Amino acid sequence: MVIKLVTEKIRLISVELVPLKLYSHAESLTKGIDIDDTEFVALAMFINGKLWTGDKKLFNGLSKKHWNEFITTEELLSF
């Protein structure tokens, strides 16, 4: 049941579709936190969506940079 709720909402998007300016902004946000998360942040920004992560370092680091576009597991389950 939960798997179906989550997977039926998944869209696959190539990071290559993200405009360079937006990707660069995401890179500046993740720099000093975890540069490997740049693509996830860029894709969330590109679709005007929220980032679902349990990575506390990423969450805290981006929050300190005033980027708070996150969604929790509890919020996902409430849909």
PDB file of N, CA and C in Angstrom:
ATOM      1  N   MET A   1       0.828  -1.193   0.000  1.00  0.00           N
ATOM      2  CA  MET A   1       0.000   0.000   0.000  1.00  0.00           C
ATOM      3  C   MET A   1       0.869   1.253   0.000  1.00  0.00           C
ATOM      4  N   VAL A   2       1.798   1.355   0.949  1.00  0.00           N
ATOM      5  CA  VAL A   2       2.660   2.530   1.035  1.00  0.00           C
ATOM      6  C   VAL A   2       3.543   2.636  -0.205  1.00  0.00           C
ATOM      7  N   ILE A   3       4.077   1.504  -0.651  1.00  0.00           N
ATOM      8  CA  ILE A   3       4.932   1.521  -1.840  1.00  0.00           C
ATOM      9  C   ILE A   3       4.168   2.055  -3.039  1.00  0.00           C
ATOM     10  N   LYS A   4       2.943   1.632  -3.210  1.00  0.00           N
ATOM     11  CA  LYS A   4       2.137   2.114  -4.333  1.00  0.00           C
ATOM     12  C   LYS A   4       1.886   3.609  -4.212  1.00  0.00           C
ATOM     13  N   LEU A   5       1.590   4.077  -3.010  1.00  0.00           N
ATOM     14  CA  LEU A   5       1.351   5.506  -2.807  1.00  0.00           C
ATOM     15  C   LEU A   5       2.565   6.342  -3.201  1.00  0.00           C
ATOM     16  N   VAL A   6       3.734   5.842  -2.876  1.00  0.00           N
ATOM     17  CA  VAL A   6       4.955   6.579  -3.183  1.00  0.00           C
ATOM     18  C   VAL A   6       5.324   6.450  -4.657  1.00  0.00           C
ATOM     19  N   THR A   7       5.338   5.236  -5.172  1.00  0.00           N
ATOM     20  CA  THR A   7       5.832   5.024  -6.527  1.00  0.00           C
ATOM     21  C   THR A   7       4.910   5.548  -7.614  1.00  0.00           C
ATOM     22  N   GLU A   8       3.632   5.652  -7.357  1.00  0.00           N
ATOM     23  CA  GLU A   8       2.744   6.162  -8.412  1.00  0.00           C
ATOM     24  C   GLU A   8       2.929   7.659  -8.638  1.00  0.00           C
ATOM     25  N   LYS A   9       3.613   8.332  -7.750  1.00  0.00           N
ATOM     26  CA  LYS A   9       3.854   9.770  -7.876  1.00  0.00           C
ATOM     27  C   LYS A   9       5.254  10.092  -8.398  1.00  0.00           C
ATOM     28  N   ILE A  10       6.060   9.075  -8.659  1.00  0.00           N
ATOM     29  CA  ILE A  10       7.440   9.284  -9.078  1.00  0.00           C
ATOM     30  C   ILE A  10       7.505   9.615 -10.564  1.00  0.00           C
ATOM     31  N   ARG A  11       8.253  10.688 -10.865  1.00  0.00           N
ATOM     32  CA  ARG A  11       8.558  11.052 -12.251  1.00  0.00           C
ATOM     33  C   ARG A  11      10.067  11.047 -12.392  1.00  0.00           C
ATOM     34  N   LEU A  12      10.569  10.452 -13.438  1.00  0.00           N
ATOM     35  CA  LEU A  12      12.005  10.455 -13.687  1.00  0.00           C
ATOM     36  C   LEU A  12      12.329  11.624 -14.608  1.00  0.00           C
ATOM     37  N   ILE A  13      13.295  12.438 -14.177  1.00  0.00           N
ATOM     38  CA  ILE A  13      13.677  13.623 -14.931  1.00  0.00           C
ATOM     39  C   ILE A  13      15.189  13.628 -15.054  1.00  0.00           C
ATOM     40  N   SER A  14      15.686  13.836 -16.244  1.00  0.00           N
ATOM     41  CA  SER A  14      17.125  13.906 -16.452  1.00  0.00           C
ATOM     42  C   SER A  14      17.646  15.234 -15.928  1.00  0.00           C
ATOM     43  N   VAL A  15      18.732  15.171 -15.187  1.00  0.00           N
ATOM     44  CA  VAL A  15      19.343  16.385 -14.650  1.00  0.00           C
ATOM     45  C   VAL A  15      19.825  17.288 -15.793  1.00  0.00           C
ATOM     46  N   GLU A  16      20.013  16.723 -16.950  1.00  0.00           N
ATOM     47  CA  GLU A  16      20.443  17.503 -18.118  1.00  0.00           C
ATOM     48  C   GLU A  16      19.396  18.530 -18.545  1.00  0.00           C
ATOM     49  N   LEU A  17      18.161  18.371 -18.091  1.00  0.00           N
ATOM     50  CA  LEU A  17      17.097  19.328 -18.420  1.00  0.00           C
ATOM     51  C   LEU A  17      17.130  20.574 -17.540  1.00  0.00           C
ATOM     52  N   VAL A  18      17.859  20.507 -16.444  1.00  0.00           N
ATOM     53  CA  VAL A  18      17.936  21.627 -15.510  1.00  0.00           C
ATOM     54  C   VAL A  18      18.785  22.739 -16.137  1.00  0.00           C
ATOM     55  N   PRO A  19      18.249  23.961 -16.214  1.00  0.00           N
ATOM     56  CA  PRO A  19      19.046  25.065 -16.757  1.00  0.00           C
ATOM     57  C   PRO A  19      20.328  25.274 -15.949  1.00  0.00           C
ATOM     58  N   LEU A  20      21.408  25.632 -16.634  1.00  0.00           N
ATOM     59  CA  LEU A  20      22.712  25.786 -16.010  1.00  0.00           C
ATOM     60  C   LEU A  20      22.677  26.787 -14.854  1.00  0.00           C
ATOM     61  N   LYS A  21      21.940  27.875 -15.004  1.00  0.00           N
ATOM     62  CA  LYS A  21      21.857  28.888 -13.953  1.00  0.00           C
ATOM     63  C   LYS A  21      21.261  28.287 -12.675  1.00  0.00           C
ATOM     64  N   LEU A  22      20.235  27.478 -12.821  1.00  0.00           N
ATOM     65  CA  LEU A  22      19.589  26.835 -11.685  1.00  0.00           C
ATOM     66  C   LEU A  22      20.514  25.790 -11.057  1.00  0.00           C
ATOM     67  N   TYR A  23      21.192  25.036 -11.906  1.00  0.00           N
ATOM     68  CA  TYR A  23      22.137  24.035 -11.411  1.00  0.00           C
ATOM     69  C   TYR A  23      23.268  24.706 -10.631  1.00  0.00           C
ATOM     70  N   SER A  24      23.756  25.823 -11.153  1.00  0.00           N
ATOM     71  CA  SER A  24      24.829  26.566 -10.479  1.00  0.00           C
ATOM     72  C   SER A  24      24.375  27.077  -9.116  1.00  0.00           C
ATOM     73  N   HIS A  25      23.123  27.510  -9.040  1.00  0.00           N
ATOM     74  CA  HIS A  25      22.577  27.969  -7.758  1.00  0.00           C
ATOM     75  C   HIS A  25      22.522  26.808  -6.763  1.00  0.00           C
ATOM     76  N   ALA A  26      22.067  25.665  -7.215  1.00  0.00           N
ATOM     77  CA  ALA A  26      22.014  24.479  -6.364  1.00  0.00           C
ATOM     78  C   ALA A  26      23.423  24.092  -5.912  1.00  0.00           C
ATOM     79  N   GLU A  27      24.374  24.218  -6.809  1.00  0.00           N
ATOM     80  CA  GLU A  27      25.760  23.890  -6.474  1.00  0.00           C
ATOM     81  C   GLU A  27      26.303  24.832  -5.405  1.00  0.00           C
ATOM     82  N   SER A  28      25.949  26.112  -5.490  1.00  0.00           N
ATOM     83  CA  SER A  28      26.401  27.068  -4.475  1.00  0.00           C
ATOM     84  C   SER A  28      25.765  26.764  -3.118  1.00  0.00           C
ATOM     85  N   LEU A  29      24.551  26.232  -3.132  1.00  0.00           N
ATOM     86  CA  LEU A  29      23.885  25.872  -1.884  1.00  0.00           C
ATOM     87  C   LEU A  29      24.515  24.640  -1.239  1.00  0.00           C
ATOM     88  N   THR A  30      24.873  23.663  -2.034  1.00  0.00           N
ATOM     89  CA  THR A  30      25.402  22.409  -1.491  1.00  0.00           C
ATOM     90  C   THR A  30      26.902  22.467  -1.212  1.00  0.00           C
ATOM     91  N   LYS A  31      27.567  23.476  -1.749  1.00  0.00           N
ATOM     92  CA  LYS A  31      29.011  23.623  -1.527  1.00  0.00           C
ATOM     93  C   LYS A  31      29.262  23.792  -0.026  1.00  0.00           C
ATOM     94  N   GLY A  32      30.182  23.013   0.506  1.00  0.00           N
ATOM     95  CA  GLY A  32      30.499  23.069   1.925  1.00  0.00           C
ATOM     96  C   GLY A  32      29.588  22.188   2.776  1.00  0.00           C
ATOM     97  N   ILE A  33      28.574  21.596   2.149  1.00  0.00           N
ATOM     98  CA  ILE A  33      27.685  20.675   2.864  1.00  0.00           C
ATOM     99  C   ILE A  33      27.927  19.283   2.304  1.00  0.00           C
ATOM    100  N   ASP A  34      27.465  19.055   1.090  1.00  0.00           N
ATOM    101  CA  ASP A  34      27.710  17.805   0.371  1.00  0.00           C
ATOM    102  C   ASP A  34      27.445  18.055  -1.102  1.00  0.00           C
ATOM    103  N   ILE A  35      28.496  18.317  -1.836  1.00  0.00           N
ATOM    104  CA  ILE A  35      28.394  18.654  -3.250  1.00  0.00           C
ATOM    105  C   ILE A  35      27.722  17.537  -4.054  1.00  0.00           C
ATOM    106  N   ASP A  36      27.780  16.307  -3.538  1.00  0.00           N
ATOM    107  CA  ASP A  36      27.153  15.176  -4.236  1.00  0.00           C
ATOM    108  C   ASP A  36      25.625  15.280  -4.250  1.00  0.00           C
ATOM    109  N   ASP A  37      25.055  16.156  -3.438  1.00  0.00           N
ATOM    110  CA  ASP A  37      23.607  16.336  -3.405  1.00  0.00           C
ATOM    111  C   ASP A  37      23.122  17.453  -4.336  1.00  0.00           C
ATOM    112  N   THR A  38      24.036  18.037  -5.087  1.00  0.00           N
ATOM    113  CA  THR A  38      23.682  19.154  -5.976  1.00  0.00           C
ATOM    114  C   THR A  38      22.557  18.784  -6.933  1.00  0.00           C
ATOM    115  N   GLU A  39      22.658  17.621  -7.563  1.00  0.00           N
ATOM    116  CA  GLU A  39      21.639  17.236  -8.546  1.00  0.00           C
ATOM    117  C   GLU A  39      20.258  17.096  -7.917  1.00  0.00           C
ATOM    118  N   PHE A  40      20.188  16.584  -6.696  1.00  0.00           N
ATOM    119  CA  PHE A  40      18.899  16.427  -6.033  1.00  0.00           C
ATOM    120  C   PHE A  40      18.272  17.787  -5.729  1.00  0.00           C
ATOM    121  N   VAL A  41      19.092  18.711  -5.253  1.00  0.00           N
ATOM    122  CA  VAL A  41      18.602  20.059  -4.950  1.00  0.00           C
ATOM    123  C   VAL A  41      18.193  20.759  -6.247  1.00  0.00           C
ATOM    124  N   ALA A  42      19.015  20.642  -7.281  1.00  0.00           N
ATOM    125  CA  ALA A  42      18.717  21.272  -8.568  1.00  0.00           C
ATOM    126  C   ALA A  42      17.408  20.741  -9.154  1.00  0.00           C
ATOM    127  N   LEU A  43      17.207  19.440  -9.081  1.00  0.00           N
ATOM    128  CA  LEU A  43      15.971  18.857  -9.618  1.00  0.00           C
ATOM    129  C   LEU A  43      14.748  19.297  -8.812  1.00  0.00           C
ATOM    130  N   ALA A  44      14.877  19.374  -7.504  1.00  0.00           N
ATOM    131  CA  ALA A  44      13.764  19.851  -6.675  1.00  0.00           C
ATOM    132  C   ALA A  44      13.413  21.286  -7.044  1.00  0.00           C
ATOM    133  N   MET A  45      14.438  22.111  -7.242  1.00  0.00           N
ATOM    134  CA  MET A  45      14.202  23.502  -7.632  1.00  0.00           C
ATOM    135  C   MET A  45      13.572  23.568  -9.026  1.00  0.00           C
ATOM    136  N   PHE A  46      14.046  22.754  -9.941  1.00  0.00           N
ATOM    137  CA  PHE A  46      13.575  22.754 -11.331  1.00  0.00           C
ATOM    138  C   PHE A  46      12.086  22.434 -11.424  1.00  0.00           C
ATOM    139  N   ILE A  47      11.627  21.499 -10.612  1.00  0.00           N
ATOM    140  CA  ILE A  47      10.206  21.121 -10.688  1.00  0.00           C
ATOM    141  C   ILE A  47       9.348  21.892  -9.676  1.00  0.00           C
ATOM    142  N   ASN A  48       9.970  22.874  -9.002  1.00  0.00           N
ATOM    143  CA  ASN A  48       9.266  23.618  -7.948  1.00  0.00           C
ATOM    144  C   ASN A  48       8.684  22.658  -6.924  1.00  0.00           C
ATOM    145  N   GLY A  49       9.499  21.667  -6.588  1.00  0.00           N
ATOM    146  CA  GLY A  49       9.067  20.640  -5.650  1.00  0.00           C
ATOM    147  C   GLY A  49       9.811  20.734  -4.337  1.00  0.00           C
ATOM    148  N   LYS A  50       9.669  19.711  -3.571  1.00  0.00           N
ATOM    149  CA  LYS A  50      10.321  19.629  -2.268  1.00  0.00           C
ATOM    150  C   LYS A  50      11.275  18.436  -2.274  1.00  0.00           C
ATOM    151  N   LEU A  51      12.316  18.560  -1.489  1.00  0.00           N
ATOM    152  CA  LEU A  51      13.322  17.515  -1.389  1.00  0.00           C
ATOM    153  C   LEU A  51      13.009  16.618  -0.199  1.00  0.00           C
ATOM    154  N   TRP A  52      12.895  15.329  -0.458  1.00  0.00           N
ATOM    155  CA  TRP A  52      12.653  14.338   0.592  1.00  0.00           C
ATOM    156  C   TRP A  52      14.000  13.734   0.947  1.00  0.00           C
ATOM    157  N   THR A  53      14.468  14.008   2.159  1.00  0.00           N
ATOM    158  CA  THR A  53      15.756  13.490   2.582  1.00  0.00           C
ATOM    159  C   THR A  53      15.770  13.244   4.086  1.00  0.00           C
ATOM    160  N   GLY A  54      16.512  12.262   4.470  1.00  0.00           N
ATOM    161  CA  GLY A  54      16.737  11.995   5.882  1.00  0.00           C
ATOM    162  C   GLY A  54      18.147  12.407   6.279  1.00  0.00           C
ATOM    163  N   ASP A  55      18.841  13.067   5.351  1.00  0.00           N
ATOM    164  CA  ASP A  55      20.220  13.497   5.566  1.00  0.00           C
ATOM    165  C   ASP A  55      20.224  14.763   6.423  1.00  0.00           C
ATOM    166  N   LYS A  56      20.507  14.586   7.712  1.00  0.00           N
ATOM    167  CA  LYS A  56      20.456  15.718   8.661  1.00  0.00           C
ATOM    168  C   LYS A  56      21.502  16.773   8.345  1.00  0.00           C
ATOM    169  N   LYS A  57      22.681  16.339   7.902  1.00  0.00           N
ATOM    170  CA  LYS A  57      23.726  17.298   7.549  1.00  0.00           C
ATOM    171  C   LYS A  57      23.258  18.186   6.396  1.00  0.00           C
ATOM    172  N   LEU A  58      22.661  17.593   5.381  1.00  0.00           N
ATOM    173  CA  LEU A  58      22.145  18.352   4.244  1.00  0.00           C
ATOM    174  C   LEU A  58      21.006  19.261   4.689  1.00  0.00           C
ATOM    175  N   PHE A  59      20.066  18.709   5.431  1.00  0.00           N
ATOM    176  CA  PHE A  59      18.916  19.476   5.918  1.00  0.00           C
ATOM    177  C   PHE A  59      19.380  20.693   6.726  1.00  0.00           C
ATOM    178  N   ASN A  60      20.254  20.466   7.696  1.00  0.00           N
ATOM    179  CA  ASN A  60      20.724  21.567   8.548  1.00  0.00           C
ATOM    180  C   ASN A  60      21.546  22.582   7.768  1.00  0.00           C
ATOM    181  N   GLY A  61      22.407  22.087   6.883  1.00  0.00           N
ATOM    182  CA  GLY A  61      23.251  22.986   6.100  1.00  0.00           C
ATOM    183  C   GLY A  61      22.447  23.870   5.161  1.00  0.00           C
ATOM    184  N   LEU A  62      21.482  23.277   4.465  1.00  0.00           N
ATOM    185  CA  LEU A  62      20.653  24.066   3.547  1.00  0.00           C
ATOM    186  C   LEU A  62      19.739  25.014   4.318  1.00  0.00           C
ATOM    187  N   SER A  63      19.250  24.576   5.458  1.00  0.00           N
ATOM    188  CA  SER A  63      18.407  25.443   6.286  1.00  0.00           C
ATOM    189  C   SER A  63      19.188  26.683   6.739  1.00  0.00           C
ATOM    190  N   LYS A  64      20.454  26.504   7.081  1.00  0.00           N
ATOM    191  CA  LYS A  64      21.294  27.642   7.477  1.00  0.00           C
ATOM    192  C   LYS A  64      21.493  28.620   6.326  1.00  0.00           C
ATOM    193  N   LYS A  65      21.374  28.103   5.109  1.00  0.00           N
ATOM    194  CA  LYS A  65      21.492  28.963   3.925  1.00  0.00           C
ATOM    195  C   LYS A  65      20.119  29.447   3.463  1.00  0.00           C
ATOM    196  N   HIS A  66      19.126  29.267   4.314  1.00  0.00           N
ATOM    197  CA  HIS A  66      17.745  29.727   4.081  1.00  0.00           C
ATOM    198  C   HIS A  66      17.063  29.025   2.912  1.00  0.00           C
ATOM    199  N   TRP A  67      17.442  27.779   2.662  1.00  0.00           N
ATOM    200  CA  TRP A  67      16.739  26.962   1.670  1.00  0.00           C
ATOM    201  C   TRP A  67      16.008  25.890   2.449  1.00  0.00           C
ATOM    202  N   ASN A  68      14.701  25.964   2.456  1.00  0.00           N
ATOM    203  CA  ASN A  68      13.889  25.084   3.297  1.00  0.00           C
ATOM    204  C   ASN A  68      12.831  24.324   2.514  1.00  0.00           C
ATOM    205  N   GLU A  69      13.133  23.969   1.301  1.00  0.00           N
ATOM    206  CA  GLU A  69      12.157  23.265   0.467  1.00  0.00           C
ATOM    207  C   GLU A  69      12.247  21.754   0.670  1.00  0.00           C
ATOM    208  N   PHE A  70      11.911  21.333   1.879  1.00  0.00           N
ATOM    209  CA  PHE A  70      11.969  19.918   2.249  1.00  0.00           C
ATOM    210  C   PHE A  70      10.569  19.382   2.505  1.00  0.00           C
ATOM    211  N   ILE A  71      10.441  18.066   2.419  1.00  0.00           N
ATOM    212  CA  ILE A  71       9.217  17.390   2.836  1.00  0.00           C
ATOM    213  C   ILE A  71       9.632  16.199   3.696  1.00  0.00           C
ATOM    214  N   THR A  72       8.912  15.985   4.755  1.00  0.00           N
ATOM    215  CA  THR A  72       9.232  14.870   5.657  1.00  0.00           C
ATOM    216  C   THR A  72       8.478  13.616   5.225  1.00  0.00           C
ATOM    217  N   THR A  73       8.915  12.497   5.759  1.00  0.00           N
ATOM    218  CA  THR A  73       8.218  11.235   5.484  1.00  0.00           C
ATOM    219  C   THR A  73       6.784  11.316   6.012  1.00  0.00           C
ATOM    220  N   GLU A  74       6.604  11.928   7.175  1.00  0.00           N
ATOM    221  CA  GLU A  74       5.262  12.061   7.743  1.00  0.00           C
ATOM    222  C   GLU A  74       4.340  12.881   6.830  1.00  0.00           C
ATOM    223  N   GLU A  75       4.892  13.941   6.257  1.00  0.00           N
ATOM    224  CA  GLU A  75       4.099  14.755   5.336  1.00  0.00           C
ATOM    225  C   GLU A  75       3.735  13.971   4.080  1.00  0.00           C
ATOM    226  N   LEU A  76       4.667  13.171   3.583  1.00  0.00           N
ATOM    227  CA  LEU A  76       4.390  12.342   2.403  1.00  0.00           C
ATOM    228  C   LEU A  76       3.271  11.345   2.675  1.00  0.00           C
ATOM    229  N   LEU A  77       3.325  10.749   3.854  1.00  0.00           N
ATOM    230  CA  LEU A  77       2.322   9.757   4.190  1.00  0.00           C
ATOM    231  C   LEU A  77       0.936  10.357   4.417  1.00  0.00           C
ATOM    232  N   SER A  78       0.867  11.651   4.628  1.00  0.00           N
ATOM    233  CA  SER A  78      -0.423  12.285   4.886  1.00  0.00           C
ATOM    234  C   SER A  78      -1.208  12.587   3.619  1.00  0.00           C
ATOM    235  N   PHE A  79      -0.570  12.393   2.436  1.00  0.00           N
ATOM    236  CA  PHE A  79      -1.263  12.683   1.173  1.00  0.00           C
ATOM    237  C   PHE A  79      -2.276  11.624   0.848  1.00  0.00           C
TER     238      PHE A  79
END
